[in-house]
């Protein structure tokens, strides 16, 4: 073997594809294109279905809002009617008692004097109730009051 043959073997040879290989590659590419077209058609179909469902949901929400507004109006009317009926029932079932006068003929039922509820400083600002300078007990510091009989 010569050096020339060895070098030629190492260099890659570019050869033209045969018609059978080209047909095979063309079939493969056409199959891929058909699969991509089918997949895109499915995506478009799914998008349309989702859009239709979204539109249907929007319509349902609008209908539900109308129902809620109507029901709120009914609730307000019924609440007002309920309050009016409760007031009427309370007035109908009310017990009225004529004004009473307290019988104070008995000794136990006599009215008492009002209790002086001022604080001590205000009560005794004018001085003590009994003047100790004129009291007979004030003269005798050893005086012990007699027990009550």
Protein backbone atom coordinates (compact mmCIF):
# COMPACT_ATOMS: atom_id res chain seq x y z
CA UNK A 1 0.00 0.00 0.00
CA UNK A 2 1.11 3.35 -0.82
CA UNK A 3 0.92 6.45 1.23
CA UNK A 4 -1.52 7.97 -1.19
CA UNK A 5 -4.09 5.22 -0.70
CA UNK A 6 -3.86 5.52 3.08
CA UNK A 7 -4.41 9.27 2.99
CA UNK A 8 -7.33 8.94 0.61
CA UNK A 9 -9.04 6.50 2.90
CA UNK A 10 -8.86 8.90 5.82
CA UNK A 11 -10.55 11.75 3.96
CA UNK A 12 -14.33 11.53 4.14
CA UNK A 13 -15.94 11.18 0.82
CA UNK A 14 -19.08 13.17 0.08
CA UNK A 15 -21.39 11.33 -2.10
CA UNK A 16 -24.75 12.35 -3.47
CA UNK A 17 -27.86 10.77 -1.95
CA UNK A 18 -29.56 8.15 -4.01
CA UNK A 19 -33.13 8.71 -5.21
CA UNK A 20 -34.39 6.06 -2.76
CA UNK A 21 -32.74 7.85 0.16
CA UNK A 22 -34.21 11.16 -0.98
CA UNK A 23 -37.69 9.64 -1.24
CA UNK A 24 -37.31 8.16 2.26
CA UNK A 25 -36.22 11.53 3.69
CA UNK A 26 -39.06 13.30 1.86
CA UNK A 27 -41.59 10.80 3.31
CA UNK A 28 -40.17 11.36 6.78
CA UNK A 29 -40.44 15.14 6.47
CA UNK A 30 -43.96 14.94 5.06
CA UNK A 31 -45.02 12.71 7.98
CA UNK A 32 -43.55 15.20 10.42
CA UNK A 33 -45.35 18.05 8.68
CA UNK A 34 -48.66 16.13 8.78
CA UNK A 35 -48.18 15.36 12.49
CA UNK A 36 -47.43 19.03 13.20
CA UNK A 37 -50.53 20.08 11.23
CA UNK A 38 -52.68 17.59 13.17
CA UNK A 39 -51.26 18.77 16.47
CA UNK A 40 -51.86 22.42 15.54
CA UNK A 41 -55.44 21.61 14.54
CA UNK A 42 -55.99 19.94 17.93
CA UNK A 43 -54.55 22.99 19.70
CA UNK A 44 -56.86 25.31 17.76
CA UNK A 45 -59.84 23.09 18.56
CA UNK A 46 -58.92 23.10 22.27
CA UNK A 47 -58.47 26.88 22.20
CA UNK A 48 -61.90 27.34 20.64
CA UNK A 49 -63.47 25.01 23.19
CA UNK A 50 -61.84 26.85 26.11
CA UNK A 51 -62.92 30.21 24.67
CA UNK A 52 -66.53 28.98 24.31
CA UNK A 53 -66.52 27.65 27.89
CA UNK A 54 -65.10 30.93 29.15
CA UNK A 55 -67.84 32.87 27.33
CA UNK A 56 -70.47 30.51 28.79
CA UNK A 57 -69.03 31.03 32.30
CA UNK A 58 -69.15 34.82 31.82
CA UNK A 59 -72.83 34.58 30.87
CA UNK A 60 -73.55 32.44 33.93
CA UNK A 61 -71.77 34.95 36.19
CA UNK A 62 -73.83 37.80 34.72
CA UNK A 63 -77.04 35.80 35.27
CA UNK A 64 -76.00 34.99 38.85
CA UNK A 65 -75.31 38.67 39.57
CA UNK A 66 -78.80 39.59 38.36
CA UNK A 67 -80.31 36.90 40.58
CA UNK A 68 -78.31 38.11 43.59
CA UNK A 69 -79.44 41.71 43.09
CA UNK A 70 -83.08 40.62 42.85
CA UNK A 71 -82.78 38.43 45.92
CA UNK A 72 -81.12 41.23 47.89
CA UNK A 73 -84.09 43.46 47.06
CA UNK A 74 -86.46 40.75 48.29
CA UNK A 75 -84.40 40.30 51.46
CA UNK A 76 -84.55 44.04 52.16
CA UNK A 77 -88.33 44.10 51.66
CA UNK A 78 -88.86 41.06 53.89
CA UNK A 79 -86.58 42.50 56.58
CA UNK A 80 -88.57 45.74 56.64
CA UNK A 81 -91.84 43.79 56.79
CA UNK A 82 -90.44 41.61 59.59
CA UNK A 83 -89.46 44.65 61.66
CA UNK A 84 -92.89 46.21 61.15
CA UNK A 85 -94.63 43.00 62.21
CA UNK A 86 -92.40 42.67 65.29
CA UNK A 87 -93.25 46.24 66.32
CA UNK A 88 -96.95 45.59 65.78
CA UNK A 89 -96.75 42.38 67.83
CA UNK A 90 -94.90 44.16 70.63
CA UNK A 91 -97.54 46.92 70.70
CA UNK A 92 -100.38 44.38 70.61
CA UNK A 93 -98.96 42.23 73.40
CA UNK A 94 -97.85 45.16 75.56
CA UNK A 95 -99.17 45.24 79.13
CA UNK A 96 -100.19 48.64 80.36
CA UNK A 97 -100.51 49.32 84.07
CA UNK A 98 -102.14 52.47 85.44
CA UNK A 99 -99.92 54.75 87.44
CA UNK A 100 -99.72 53.76 91.05
CA UNK A 101 -99.68 55.86 94.17
CA UNK A 102 -97.77 54.50 97.09
CA UNK A 103 -99.82 54.06 100.27
CA UNK A 104 -97.81 55.77 102.99
CA UNK A 105 -100.37 55.59 105.78
CA UNK A 106 -98.48 52.88 107.64
CA UNK A 107 -95.49 53.98 109.75
CA UNK A 108 -93.13 51.59 107.98
CA UNK A 109 -94.00 53.14 104.62
CA UNK A 110 -93.26 56.72 105.63
CA UNK A 111 -90.89 58.52 103.30
CA UNK A 112 -87.36 58.96 104.59
CA UNK A 113 -85.12 61.94 104.32
CA UNK A 114 -82.64 61.95 101.49
CA UNK A 115 -79.21 60.69 102.42
CA UNK A 116 -76.47 63.28 102.38
CA UNK A 117 -74.01 61.81 99.88
CA UNK A 118 -71.53 64.67 99.74
CA UNK A 119 -67.93 63.90 100.54
CA UNK A 120 -66.75 64.51 104.11
CA UNK A 121 -64.81 67.66 103.32
CA UNK A 122 -67.89 69.30 101.78
CA UNK A 123 -70.18 68.13 104.59
CA UNK A 124 -68.00 69.44 107.40
CA UNK A 125 -66.68 72.58 105.72
CA UNK A 126 -68.96 74.70 107.92
CA UNK A 127 -67.65 73.02 111.06
CA UNK A 128 -68.81 70.21 113.33
CA UNK A 129 -72.48 69.61 113.96
CA UNK A 130 -72.06 70.00 117.74
CA UNK A 131 -70.00 72.86 119.10
CA UNK A 132 -67.59 71.21 121.50
CA UNK A 133 -66.82 74.46 123.34
CA UNK A 134 -70.37 74.73 124.71
CA UNK A 135 -70.86 71.00 125.33
CA UNK A 136 -70.83 69.86 128.99
CA UNK A 137 -68.75 66.84 128.05
CA UNK A 138 -66.07 69.06 126.55
CA UNK A 139 -65.14 70.39 130.00
CA UNK A 140 -64.45 66.92 131.45
CA UNK A 141 -61.87 64.95 129.42
CA UNK A 142 -62.47 61.81 131.50
CA UNK A 143 -66.18 61.73 130.77
CA UNK A 144 -67.43 58.33 129.61
CA UNK A 145 -70.89 58.36 128.09
CA UNK A 146 -73.51 56.22 129.82
CA UNK A 147 -74.80 53.16 127.98
CA UNK A 148 -78.05 53.62 126.14
CA UNK A 149 -81.08 52.37 128.04
